[in-house]
């Protein structure tokens, strides 16, 4: 009989700890419009992102991801690939709605093409590590499924405005 109470008490304490932490891992994907500030007049702007992270509690976590953005017109094409690692600060506004910000490092590769291929110092491809930041909002339909909208800047000239889906586990 005592074992049953001990087991029930231990289960209650552990479940309370898990719910109080309100953390865990997540994976997601997003798509949107690229923001290449040096090439603002380019017509075709697309971007995609895969990401994952871990929230240590409801306010702080770490995230890593890969984003690719592309801007082009008839004469020029710029593709930027970024791997990033960032700290995430989350503000739960309501039970289902959050605002968040992130900051970290982006590891960027730029491919330049077309008749203006001399952009990027005359090199068809350049690489650079730089600070990255982002802001966004998330709405959770269930504890494990959410949608988000965000703006991220991976480099001084490259950003992504996106909407995406996130699965938490």
Protein backbone atom coordinates (compact mmCIF):
# COMPACT_ATOMS: atom_id res chain seq x y z
CA UNK A 1 0.00 0.00 0.00
CA UNK A 2 2.82 2.39 0.88
CA UNK A 3 4.42 1.69 -2.52
CA UNK A 4 1.25 2.84 -4.29
CA UNK A 5 1.27 6.17 -2.44
CA UNK A 6 4.99 6.64 -3.03
CA UNK A 7 4.55 5.92 -6.74
CA UNK A 8 1.54 8.26 -7.01
CA UNK A 9 3.40 11.03 -5.16
CA UNK A 10 6.50 10.61 -7.35
CA UNK A 11 4.36 10.68 -10.53
CA UNK A 12 2.59 13.83 -9.35
CA UNK A 13 5.86 15.61 -8.51
CA UNK A 14 7.47 14.63 -11.81
CA UNK A 15 4.45 15.66 -13.89
CA UNK A 16 4.27 19.00 -12.06
CA UNK A 17 7.94 19.58 -12.79
CA UNK A 18 7.46 18.79 -16.48
CA UNK A 19 4.46 21.11 -16.80
CA UNK A 20 6.16 23.88 -14.82
CA UNK A 21 9.22 23.75 -17.07
CA UNK A 22 7.04 24.12 -20.17
CA UNK A 23 10.05 23.32 -22.31
CA UNK A 24 11.07 20.72 -24.85
CA UNK A 25 12.30 20.24 -28.37
CA UNK A 26 10.78 21.47 -31.60
CA UNK A 27 11.24 21.19 -35.37
CA UNK A 28 9.82 23.42 -38.05
CA UNK A 29 9.82 24.69 -41.59
CA UNK A 30 8.94 28.07 -43.03
CA UNK A 31 8.68 29.79 -46.41
CA UNK A 32 8.46 33.40 -47.39
CA UNK A 33 10.03 36.37 -49.12
CA UNK A 34 13.76 37.12 -49.12
CA UNK A 35 15.02 40.54 -48.17
CA UNK A 36 18.33 41.33 -49.87
CA UNK A 37 18.81 45.00 -49.05
CA UNK A 38 21.54 45.63 -51.63
CA UNK A 39 19.26 44.25 -54.35
CA UNK A 40 15.85 45.64 -53.40
CA UNK A 41 14.71 46.07 -57.00
CA UNK A 42 14.88 42.36 -57.85
CA UNK A 43 11.48 40.94 -58.69
CA UNK A 44 11.61 37.28 -57.71
CA UNK A 45 12.30 36.95 -53.99
CA UNK A 46 11.87 33.61 -52.25
CA UNK A 47 13.17 31.94 -49.13
CA UNK A 48 12.85 28.70 -47.20
CA UNK A 49 13.98 27.65 -43.76
CA UNK A 50 14.35 24.43 -41.72
CA UNK A 51 14.98 24.80 -38.00
CA UNK A 52 14.97 23.04 -34.67
CA UNK A 53 15.61 23.89 -31.09
CA UNK A 54 15.10 23.24 -27.44
CA UNK A 55 13.24 25.44 -24.94
CA UNK A 56 14.74 25.02 -21.45
CA UNK A 57 11.63 26.65 -19.98
CA UNK A 58 8.81 28.82 -21.32
CA UNK A 59 11.11 31.86 -21.63
CA UNK A 60 14.53 30.70 -22.84
CA UNK A 61 15.85 28.28 -25.45
CA UNK A 62 18.39 27.63 -28.19
CA UNK A 63 17.70 27.23 -31.91
CA UNK A 64 19.67 26.21 -34.96
CA UNK A 65 18.65 26.15 -38.58
CA UNK A 66 19.33 26.43 -42.27
CA UNK A 67 17.82 29.13 -44.48
CA UNK A 68 18.19 29.72 -48.19
CA UNK A 69 17.08 32.91 -49.89
CA UNK A 70 17.07 33.83 -53.56
CA UNK A 71 16.49 37.08 -55.43
CA UNK A 72 16.61 37.36 -59.20
CA UNK A 73 15.54 39.18 -62.31
CA UNK A 74 16.33 38.67 -66.03
CA UNK A 75 19.99 39.67 -65.59
CA UNK A 76 21.05 38.73 -62.09
CA UNK A 77 20.60 36.12 -59.40
CA UNK A 78 21.72 36.15 -55.77
CA UNK A 79 21.40 33.07 -53.56
CA UNK A 80 22.30 33.20 -49.88
CA UNK A 81 22.56 30.08 -47.73
CA UNK A 82 22.78 30.54 -43.97
CA UNK A 83 23.33 28.13 -41.12
CA UNK A 84 22.61 29.77 -37.79
CA UNK A 85 22.70 29.18 -34.05
CA UNK A 86 20.77 31.51 -31.74
CA UNK A 87 19.52 32.06 -28.22
CA UNK A 88 15.72 32.50 -28.09
CA UNK A 89 13.84 34.71 -25.61
CA UNK A 90 10.11 33.95 -25.50
CA UNK A 91 7.30 36.02 -23.98
CA UNK A 92 4.02 34.11 -23.50
CA UNK A 93 1.29 36.74 -24.04
CA UNK A 94 -1.64 34.34 -23.56
CA UNK A 95 -1.92 30.59 -23.16
CA UNK A 96 -1.60 30.07 -26.91
CA UNK A 97 0.06 33.26 -28.22
CA UNK A 98 3.79 34.12 -27.84
CA UNK A 99 6.15 36.85 -28.97
CA UNK A 100 9.84 36.03 -29.28
CA UNK A 101 13.23 37.38 -30.24
CA UNK A 102 16.44 35.59 -31.11
CA UNK A 103 20.09 36.53 -31.53
CA UNK A 104 23.15 34.53 -32.50
CA UNK A 105 25.60 33.81 -35.31
CA UNK A 106 24.93 33.17 -38.99
CA UNK A 107 27.37 31.28 -41.20
CA UNK A 108 26.59 32.60 -44.69
CA UNK A 109 27.48 31.71 -48.28
CA UNK A 110 26.51 33.98 -51.18
CA UNK A 111 26.37 32.91 -54.83
CA UNK A 112 26.23 35.70 -57.42
CA UNK A 113 25.27 35.10 -61.01
CA UNK A 114 24.12 36.71 -64.21
CA UNK A 115 25.55 39.61 -66.16
CA UNK A 116 26.29 41.46 -62.88
CA UNK A 117 28.31 38.59 -61.45
CA UNK A 118 31.03 41.00 -60.34
CA UNK A 119 28.94 41.90 -57.27
CA UNK A 120 30.64 40.35 -54.26
CA UNK A 121 34.13 41.61 -55.06
CA UNK A 122 34.37 39.90 -58.44
CA UNK A 123 33.84 36.49 -56.87
CA UNK A 124 31.01 34.18 -57.93
CA UNK A 125 30.76 32.91 -54.34
CA UNK A 126 31.68 34.46 -50.98
CA UNK A 127 31.33 33.34 -47.37
CA UNK A 128 31.04 35.27 -44.15
CA UNK A 129 30.15 34.77 -40.49
CA UNK A 130 28.01 37.50 -38.98
CA UNK A 131 25.58 38.33 -36.21
CA UNK A 132 21.96 37.29 -36.82
CA UNK A 133 18.73 38.33 -35.14
CA UNK A 134 15.02 37.70 -35.47
CA UNK A 135 11.64 38.65 -34.08
CA UNK A 136 8.37 36.82 -34.41
CA UNK A 137 5.06 35.63 -33.11
CA UNK A 138 3.70 32.13 -32.59
CA UNK A 139 0.20 30.74 -32.13
CA UNK A 140 -0.22 27.24 -30.67
CA UNK A 141 -3.28 25.33 -31.89
CA UNK A 142 -2.33 22.42 -29.63
CA UNK A 143 0.60 21.90 -27.23
CA UNK A 144 2.46 20.18 -30.10
CA UNK A 145 1.43 22.16 -33.20
CA UNK A 146 1.87 25.87 -33.90
CA UNK A 147 2.13 28.41 -36.69
CA UNK A 148 4.53 31.33 -36.67
CA UNK A 149 5.38 34.49 -38.54
CA UNK A 150 8.81 36.06 -38.22
CA UNK A 151 11.51 38.27 -39.63
CA UNK A 152 15.13 37.12 -39.43
CA UNK A 153 18.29 38.90 -40.52
CA UNK A 154 21.19 36.50 -41.17
CA UNK A 155 23.63 39.08 -42.51
CA UNK A 156 23.63 42.84 -42.92
CA UNK A 157 22.31 42.37 -46.48
CA UNK A 158 20.17 39.22 -46.16
CA UNK A 159 16.89 38.56 -44.36
CA UNK A 160 13.76 36.42 -44.56
CA UNK A 161 10.14 37.33 -43.87
CA UNK A 162 8.36 34.01 -43.39
CA UNK A 163 5.41 32.00 -42.12
CA UNK A 164 5.86 28.45 -40.92
CA UNK A 165 4.75 25.41 -38.99
CA UNK A 166 6.32 24.01 -35.82
CA UNK A 167 5.97 20.59 -34.19
CA UNK A 168 6.94 20.37 -30.51
CA UNK A 169 7.88 17.20 -28.68
